Amino acid sequence: MSKVLSGIRIADFTHVLSGPIATHFLCLMGADVIKIESPEGGDTMRNYGTDQSGMAPPFIAVNAGKRSIALDLKSEAGLESARRLLATCDVVVENFRPGVMDRLGLSHETCRKLNPNIIYCSISGYGQFGELRNNPAIDQIIQSTSGLMSLTGEPSTPPIRIGFPVVDTFTGLLAAFAIMSSLLRRERSGEGQYIDVAMFDAALVMMISILGPYLINGIKPEKQGNRGFSMSPTADTFPTKQGSITLGAVRQEQFERLCKAIGRPDLIADPRYADRKSRIENAGSLRESVIEGLASRTAEEWEPLLNAVSVAAGVVREIPDVAAQSHLTDRHLKLPVAFPGFSLEQVEVLNAGFLFAQDAPGIDRPPPRLGEHTEEIMRELDMPTV
């Protein structure tokens, strides 16, 4: 057997992050992803920040396994090559501002004439129609306009951005899901599909646990800091003798096990903490008591002790510590990628995050250098190199 998307060819006109993340997941599932880039620098992410090598780490992370063809889409020769390529593709993915692909002569309607069954996915900040359509957007802007920043931090802090491009990431995943669903639909009906994915819409869907209840009860959500969704005072982050630990004691039996484990069984009989409602009402004093109990050990010591008595607990770790855990190897989360000619010779990229019993996701090629596969792809199209 082969991977689920083996034999599927994708024309990838995306750049920076949300689009490349979408096609990254399709590539992991076996699709032949052909990255169409401008000969003048290619994807902006190739030279991200101070890294001007053309292979910046953020680019490598979401483009390994793809092929690159360099085409000048402002020239007729480049456009003709793109059209010839599109006629052979199952899927087109683009994340330009609305209208750009139309002006290039590569609109959905044009692609349908080249391939009536094509699946065409447009990713943008606010969608292909609506009053916000033409507003430029990046992850940080959408975190602001979607309300996401208003939910992050302590009640007393100003709006705070989540510390990584969470909207780009979820938008890419949502687009990949939509494309996979459209491929299944085409298999059943024989029909192509046009997909309109907006980062703003994706951010709202990502907040279903918050926005969903608001649409139902109209109660404005407030910042809760590190307090869990349950609002239980013992589902929070606490200091210890050394380091911080996050606890997830929500149910009554979990609260009681926590109290015993930290040497404070007296809290169980205290009427102020008799049930979840009373614990929320007396959260301040309860937190102080839990901190006192946790002060006797380090976070690393508490984690196994609490988990052993079925109280969910996790040390607040930094990224280098997380990446070094054997869990990532055991769960095949890291994929080694040979990178001949590159200074590192081999790099690691993240896998899909789920496991299959057969035909598992993965890649077997490094990220492409700009235009690396131009001649190869042009030969496949039986065309001279532009």
Protein backbone atom coordinates (compact mmCIF):
# COMPACT_ATOMS: atom_id res chain seq x y z
CA MET A 1 0.00 0.00 0.00
CA SER A 2 1.02 3.63 -0.38
CA LYS A 3 0.15 6.79 1.51
CA VAL A 4 -3.40 8.03 1.20
CA LEU A 5 -2.51 10.98 -1.07
CA SER A 6 0.05 9.18 -3.24
CA GLY A 7 -0.66 10.13 -6.84
CA ILE A 8 -2.27 13.45 -5.88
CA ARG A 9 -0.46 16.47 -7.33
CA ILE A 10 -0.80 19.89 -5.70
CA ALA A 11 0.12 23.25 -7.19
CA ASP A 12 1.27 25.26 -4.19
CA PHE A 13 1.21 29.03 -4.74
CA THR A 14 1.44 29.73 -1.01
CA HIS A 15 4.02 31.62 1.01
CA VAL A 16 4.99 32.41 4.61
CA LEU A 17 2.95 30.21 6.93
CA SER A 18 -0.78 29.37 6.80
CA GLY A 19 -0.68 28.10 3.21
CA PRO A 20 2.62 26.23 3.53
CA ILE A 21 1.35 24.58 6.73
CA ALA A 22 -1.72 23.34 4.82
CA THR A 23 0.36 21.86 2.01
CA HIS A 24 2.89 20.51 4.54
CA PHE A 25 0.23 18.22 5.98
CA LEU A 26 -0.84 17.13 2.51
CA CYS A 27 2.80 16.41 1.68
CA LEU A 28 3.13 14.29 4.81
CA MET A 29 0.18 12.27 3.57
CA GLY A 30 1.96 11.49 0.30
CA ALA A 31 0.90 14.26 -2.08
CA ASP A 32 3.37 15.57 -4.66
CA VAL A 33 3.44 19.23 -3.63
CA ILE A 34 4.97 21.52 -6.26
CA LYS A 35 5.86 24.91 -4.83
CA ILE A 36 5.56 27.63 -7.49
CA GLU A 37 7.92 30.47 -6.55
CA SER A 38 9.15 33.70 -8.06
CA PRO A 39 12.73 33.47 -9.35
CA GLU A 40 13.39 36.68 -7.40
CA GLY A 41 13.79 35.34 -3.88
CA GLY A 42 10.90 32.89 -3.74
CA ASP A 43 8.88 32.40 -0.56
CA THR A 44 9.55 35.23 1.92
CA MET A 45 10.04 32.61 4.63
CA ARG A 46 13.20 31.37 2.89
CA ASN A 47 15.04 34.40 4.28
CA TYR A 48 13.22 34.93 7.54
CA GLY A 49 14.57 37.32 10.15
CA THR A 50 18.35 37.52 10.03
CA ASP A 51 18.78 34.19 8.19
CA GLN A 52 19.49 35.02 4.55
CA SER A 53 20.58 31.55 3.49
CA GLY A 54 17.41 30.78 1.55
CA MET A 55 16.87 27.93 3.99
CA ALA A 56 15.76 29.64 7.20
CA PRO A 57 14.59 27.16 9.88
CA PRO A 58 10.92 28.31 9.73
CA PHE A 59 10.96 27.60 5.98
CA ILE A 60 12.53 24.16 6.41
CA ALA A 61 9.98 23.22 9.10
CA VAL A 62 6.95 23.42 6.76
CA ASN A 63 8.43 22.81 3.30
CA ALA A 64 10.44 19.61 3.63
CA GLY A 65 9.39 17.03 1.05
CA LYS A 66 8.05 19.53 -1.50
CA ARG A 67 9.43 20.34 -4.93
CA SER A 68 10.13 23.88 -6.16
CA ILE A 69 9.69 25.35 -9.62
CA ALA A 70 10.72 28.95 -10.27
CA LEU A 71 8.34 30.74 -12.65
CA ASP A 72 7.98 34.40 -13.54
CA LEU A 73 4.20 34.68 -13.49
CA LYS A 74 4.42 38.21 -14.94
CA SER A 75 5.73 36.78 -18.20
CA GLU A 76 3.69 34.92 -20.79
CA ALA A 77 6.20 32.06 -20.83
CA GLY A 78 5.96 31.68 -17.06
CA LEU A 79 2.15 31.79 -17.17
CA GLU A 80 2.03 29.21 -19.94
CA SER A 81 4.22 26.90 -17.87
CA ALA A 82 1.94 27.46 -14.87
CA ARG A 83 -1.15 26.69 -16.94
CA ARG A 84 0.43 23.52 -18.30
CA LEU A 85 1.29 22.49 -14.75
CA LEU A 86 -2.20 23.28 -13.43
CA ALA A 87 -3.75 21.05 -16.07
CA THR A 88 -1.93 18.12 -14.45
CA CYS A 89 -2.80 18.98 -10.85
CA ASP A 90 -5.58 17.74 -8.59
CA VAL A 91 -5.43 20.67 -6.19
CA VAL A 92 -4.44 24.35 -6.28
CA VAL A 93 -3.67 26.16 -3.03
CA GLU A 94 -2.99 29.92 -2.90
CA ASN A 95 -2.82 32.50 -0.13
CA PHE A 96 -2.44 35.81 -1.92
CA ARG A 97 -4.67 38.78 -1.18
CA PRO A 98 -8.11 38.38 -2.81
CA GLY A 99 -7.97 39.23 -6.51
CA VAL A 100 -4.25 38.59 -7.06
CA MET A 101 -4.69 35.19 -8.73
CA ASP A 102 -7.42 36.69 -10.92
CA ARG A 103 -5.07 39.45 -12.08
CA LEU A 104 -2.39 36.86 -12.82
CA GLY A 105 -4.86 34.98 -15.02
CA LEU A 106 -4.89 31.95 -12.73
CA SER A 107 -8.35 32.27 -11.19
CA HIS A 108 -10.56 29.38 -10.18
CA GLU A 109 -12.56 29.73 -13.39
CA THR A 110 -9.38 29.62 -15.48
CA CYS A 111 -8.19 26.51 -13.66
CA ARG A 112 -11.58 24.84 -14.15
CA LYS A 113 -11.19 25.28 -17.90
CA LEU A 114 -7.81 23.60 -17.68
CA ASN A 115 -9.10 20.85 -15.39
CA PRO A 116 -12.89 20.68 -14.74
CA ASN A 117 -12.44 18.52 -11.63
CA ILE A 118 -9.83 20.66 -9.93
CA ILE A 119 -10.02 21.52 -6.23
CA TYR A 120 -9.03 25.14 -5.69
CA CYS A 121 -8.35 26.45 -2.19
CA SER A 122 -7.91 30.17 -1.48
CA ILE A 123 -6.57 31.17 1.94
CA SER A 124 -6.75 34.83 2.96
CA GLY A 125 -7.08 37.05 5.99
CA TYR A 126 -10.81 37.75 5.86
CA GLY A 127 -12.12 35.69 2.95
CA GLN A 128 -12.91 36.29 -0.70
CA PHE A 129 -15.99 38.41 -0.03
CA GLY A 130 -17.39 40.62 2.73
CA GLU A 131 -16.64 44.11 3.98
CA LEU A 132 -13.23 43.10 5.39
CA ARG A 133 -12.15 41.32 2.19
CA ASN A 134 -9.41 43.75 1.20
CA ASN A 135 -7.88 44.27 4.64
CA PRO A 136 -4.29 42.99 4.83
CA ALA A 137 -3.74 40.44 7.58
CA ILE A 138 -1.04 38.49 9.34
CA ASP A 139 -1.34 36.18 12.34
CA GLN A 140 -0.81 38.94 14.89
CA ILE A 141 -3.50 41.12 13.33
CA ILE A 142 -6.05 38.31 13.37
CA GLN A 143 -5.18 37.48 16.98
CA SER A 144 -6.17 41.07 17.71
CA THR A 145 -9.29 41.47 15.57
CA SER A 146 -10.74 38.04 16.43
CA GLY A 147 -10.77 38.71 20.17
CA LEU A 148 -8.11 36.10 20.86
CA MET A 149 -5.73 38.59 22.47
CA SER A 150 -8.50 39.86 24.74
CA LEU A 151 -8.67 36.39 26.32
CA THR A 152 -4.95 35.94 26.93
CA GLY A 153 -3.17 36.89 30.15
CA GLU A 154 -4.19 37.78 33.68
CA PRO A 155 -7.27 39.95 34.31
CA SER A 156 -5.01 42.93 35.11
CA THR A 157 -2.77 42.67 32.03
CA PRO A 158 -3.28 44.39 28.65
CA PRO A 159 -4.12 42.25 25.59
CA ILE A 160 -1.37 39.69 24.99
CA ARG A 161 -0.52 37.80 21.82
CA ILE A 162 -0.25 34.02 22.08
CA GLY A 163 3.46 33.26 21.79
CA PHE A 164 3.45 31.56 18.38
CA PRO A 165 1.47 32.00 15.11
CA VAL A 166 -1.51 30.01 16.39
CA VAL A 167 -3.96 31.43 13.82
CA ASP A 168 -1.67 30.60 10.89
CA THR A 169 -1.26 27.10 12.28
CA PHE A 170 -4.95 26.39 12.79
CA THR A 171 -5.87 28.01 9.46
CA GLY A 172 -3.43 25.69 7.70
CA LEU A 173 -4.89 22.65 9.43
CA LEU A 174 -8.44 23.74 8.63
CA ALA A 175 -7.52 24.27 4.97
CA ALA A 176 -5.88 20.82 4.82
CA PHE A 177 -9.03 19.29 6.32
CA ALA A 178 -11.21 21.09 3.76
CA ILE A 179 -8.99 19.90 0.91
CA MET A 180 -9.02 16.30 2.16
CA SER A 181 -12.81 16.46 2.47
CA SER A 182 -13.07 17.84 -1.08
CA LEU A 183 -10.86 15.07 -2.44
CA LEU A 184 -13.17 12.51 -0.81
CA ARG A 185 -16.21 14.30 -2.27
CA ARG A 186 -14.61 14.29 -5.72
CA GLU A 187 -13.90 10.58 -5.44
CA ARG A 188 -17.60 10.02 -4.78
CA SER A 189 -19.15 12.57 -7.13
CA GLY A 190 -16.47 13.27 -9.71
CA GLU A 191 -16.83 17.00 -9.06
CA GLY A 192 -14.20 19.57 -8.14
CA GLN A 193 -14.61 22.22 -5.46
CA TYR A 194 -13.78 25.83 -4.63
CA ILE A 195 -12.68 26.38 -1.02
CA ASP A 196 -12.60 29.80 0.64
CA VAL A 197 -10.67 29.75 3.94
CA ALA A 198 -10.29 32.93 6.02
CA MET A 199 -7.84 33.29 8.89
CA PHE A 200 -10.40 35.38 10.78
CA ASP A 201 -13.08 32.70 10.42
CA ALA A 202 -10.60 29.99 11.43
CA ALA A 203 -9.66 31.94 14.57
CA LEU A 204 -13.33 32.12 15.60
CA VAL A 205 -13.82 28.40 14.98
CA MET A 206 -10.68 27.69 17.00
CA MET A 207 -12.34 29.56 19.90
CA ILE A 208 -15.49 27.40 19.79
CA SER A 209 -15.13 26.62 23.51
CA ILE A 210 -15.42 30.35 24.26
CA LEU A 211 -17.38 31.85 21.37
CA GLY A 212 -19.85 28.95 21.27
CA PRO A 213 -21.16 29.50 24.81
CA TYR A 214 -21.22 33.29 24.25
CA LEU A 215 -23.51 32.86 21.26
CA ILE A 216 -25.80 30.82 23.49
CA ASN A 217 -25.82 32.76 26.76
CA GLY A 218 -24.50 36.20 25.80
CA ILE A 219 -22.13 36.31 28.79
CA LYS A 220 -18.89 38.10 27.92
CA PRO A 221 -15.85 35.87 28.56
CA GLU A 222 -13.10 37.35 30.73
CA LYS A 223 -9.39 36.69 31.06
CA GLN A 224 -8.63 33.91 33.50
CA GLY A 225 -4.84 33.78 33.39
CA ASN A 226 -3.66 30.21 33.81
CA ARG A 227 -6.92 29.00 35.35
CA GLY A 228 -8.37 26.10 33.41
CA PHE A 229 -11.58 26.13 31.37
CA SER A 230 -13.43 24.50 34.28
CA MET A 231 -12.63 27.55 36.45
CA SER A 232 -11.66 25.23 39.30
CA PRO A 233 -9.04 26.93 41.54
CA THR A 234 -7.08 23.69 41.61
CA ALA A 235 -6.90 23.59 37.82
CA ASP A 236 -4.23 26.26 37.59
CA THR A 237 -0.47 26.84 37.56
CA PHE A 238 1.38 26.99 40.87
CA PRO A 239 4.92 27.73 42.06
CA THR A 240 6.82 24.96 43.85
CA LYS A 241 10.15 24.66 45.64
CA GLN A 242 11.71 24.92 42.19
CA GLY A 243 9.82 25.54 38.96
CA SER A 244 6.11 25.79 38.26
CA ILE A 245 3.54 23.05 37.82
CA THR A 246 0.07 23.03 36.28
CA LEU A 247 -2.60 20.98 38.02
CA GLY A 248 -5.88 19.66 36.68
CA ALA A 249 -7.83 18.76 39.83
CA VAL A 250 -11.40 19.46 38.74
CA ARG A 251 -13.67 16.75 40.12
CA GLN A 252 -14.31 16.25 43.83
CA GLU A 253 -12.27 13.05 44.06
CA GLN A 254 -9.35 14.74 42.29
CA PHE A 255 -9.47 17.65 44.75
CA GLU A 256 -9.42 15.25 47.68
CA ARG A 257 -6.49 13.25 46.25
CA LEU A 258 -4.56 16.48 45.71
CA CYS A 259 -5.13 17.59 49.29
CA LYS A 260 -3.85 14.28 50.65
CA ALA A 261 -0.84 14.23 48.30
CA ILE A 262 0.36 17.70 49.34
CA GLY A 263 -0.12 16.96 53.02
CA ARG A 264 -3.21 19.09 53.50
CA PRO A 265 -6.08 16.61 54.14
CA ASP A 266 -7.61 19.26 56.44
CA LEU A 267 -8.72 21.19 53.33
CA ILE A 268 -11.16 18.41 52.45
CA ALA A 269 -13.22 18.98 55.61
CA ASP A 270 -13.05 22.77 55.39
CA PRO A 271 -16.59 24.00 54.56
CA ARG A 272 -15.12 26.74 52.37
CA TYR A 273 -13.98 24.06 49.95
CA ALA A 274 -16.84 21.58 50.28
CA ASP A 275 -17.74 21.60 46.57
CA ARG A 276 -16.66 23.21 43.31
CA LYS A 277 -18.93 26.24 43.75
CA SER A 278 -17.58 27.02 47.22
CA ARG A 279 -14.02 26.45 46.08
CA ILE A 280 -14.49 29.00 43.27
CA GLU A 281 -15.96 31.48 45.76
CA ASN A 282 -12.94 31.00 48.07
CA ALA A 283 -10.32 30.60 45.37
CA GLY A 284 -7.82 33.03 46.90
CA SER A 285 -7.41 31.29 50.25
CA LEU A 286 -7.45 27.85 48.63
CA ARG A 287 -4.67 28.84 46.26
CA GLU A 288 -2.52 30.02 49.16
CA SER A 289 -2.99 26.69 50.93
CA VAL A 290 -2.11 24.69 47.82
CA ILE A 291 1.03 26.78 47.28
CA GLU A 292 2.08 26.10 50.87
CA GLY A 293 1.63 22.38 50.34
CA LEU A 294 3.56 22.35 47.05
CA ALA A 295 6.49 24.29 48.51
CA SER A 296 8.05 21.14 49.97
CA ARG A 297 9.09 19.63 46.60
CA THR A 298 10.17 20.72 43.13
CA ALA A 299 7.87 20.67 40.13
CA GLU A 300 9.84 17.75 38.66
CA GLU A 301 9.31 15.78 41.88
CA TRP A 302 5.61 16.60 42.12
CA GLU A 303 4.73 15.61 38.55
CA PRO A 304 5.13 11.80 38.93
CA LEU A 305 3.78 11.79 42.48
CA LEU A 306 0.54 13.53 41.56
CA ASN A 307 0.01 11.67 38.31
CA ALA A 308 0.42 8.40 40.22
CA VAL A 309 -2.66 9.25 42.30
CA SER A 310 -4.66 10.32 39.22
CA VAL A 311 -4.25 14.06 39.71
CA ALA A 312 -3.29 15.48 36.31
CA ALA A 313 -0.07 17.44 36.71
CA GLY A 314 2.55 18.77 34.35
CA VAL A 315 5.77 20.71 34.81
CA VAL A 316 5.89 24.04 32.99
CA ARG A 317 8.76 23.28 30.62
CA GLU A 318 10.67 25.33 28.09
CA ILE A 319 10.89 24.33 24.43
CA PRO A 320 14.45 22.86 24.54
CA ASP A 321 13.40 20.58 27.40
CA VAL A 322 10.26 19.50 25.55
CA ALA A 323 12.12 18.77 22.32
CA ALA A 324 14.66 16.62 24.19
CA GLN A 325 12.04 14.26 25.65
CA SER A 326 12.11 10.65 24.49
CA HIS A 327 8.35 10.89 23.96
CA LEU A 328 8.98 12.67 20.64
CA THR A 329 11.07 9.76 19.40
CA ASP A 330 8.78 7.08 20.81
CA ARG A 331 5.76 8.68 19.10
CA HIS A 332 7.58 9.33 15.78
CA LEU A 333 6.98 13.06 16.15
CA LYS A 334 10.40 13.94 14.77
CA LEU A 335 11.34 13.04 11.21
CA PRO A 336 15.03 12.97 10.32
CA VAL A 337 15.63 14.51 6.91
CA ALA A 338 18.93 14.12 5.05
CA PHE A 339 20.09 17.48 3.76
CA PRO A 340 23.18 16.94 1.57
CA GLY A 341 25.17 20.09 0.92
CA PHE A 342 23.57 21.93 3.83
CA SER A 343 25.67 22.92 6.82
CA LEU A 344 23.78 20.54 9.12
CA GLU A 345 23.71 17.57 6.68
CA GLN A 346 20.62 16.31 8.51
CA VAL A 347 17.73 18.14 10.12
CA GLU A 348 14.60 17.08 11.97
CA VAL A 349 11.07 18.26 11.20
CA LEU A 350 7.81 17.58 12.96
CA ASN A 351 5.54 14.81 11.75
CA ALA A 352 1.76 15.03 11.43
CA GLY A 353 1.01 14.42 15.11
CA PHE A 354 -1.05 11.27 14.59
CA LEU A 355 -0.10 7.65 13.95
CA PHE A 356 -1.40 5.18 11.39
CA ALA A 357 -1.05 1.41 11.71
CA GLN A 358 -0.23 1.29 7.98
CA ASP A 359 1.06 3.82 5.44
CA ALA A 360 2.06 6.34 8.07
CA PRO A 361 2.55 10.03 7.28
CA GLY A 362 6.08 11.18 6.56
CA ILE A 363 8.46 12.63 3.99
CA ASP A 364 11.60 11.40 2.28
CA ARG A 365 13.01 14.61 0.75
CA PRO A 366 14.60 17.74 2.19
CA PRO A 367 13.01 21.15 1.60
CA PRO A 368 13.71 22.35 -1.95
CA ARG A 369 16.16 25.04 -2.86
CA LEU A 370 14.55 27.81 -4.87
CA GLY A 371 13.75 26.42 -8.33
CA GLU A 372 15.60 23.18 -7.58
CA HIS A 373 13.11 21.04 -9.49
CA THR A 374 12.32 23.44 -12.35
CA GLU A 375 14.03 21.38 -15.06
CA GLU A 376 12.67 18.11 -13.65
CA ILE A 377 9.07 19.37 -13.61
CA MET A 378 9.36 21.02 -17.04
CA ARG A 379 10.51 17.69 -18.47
CA GLU A 380 7.45 16.05 -16.89
CA LEU A 381 5.30 18.65 -18.66
CA ASP A 382 7.21 18.10 -21.92
CA MET A 383 8.14 21.76 -22.01
CA PRO A 384 11.43 23.60 -22.44
CA THR A 385 12.89 25.25 -19.36
CA VAL A 386 11.76 28.87 -19.06
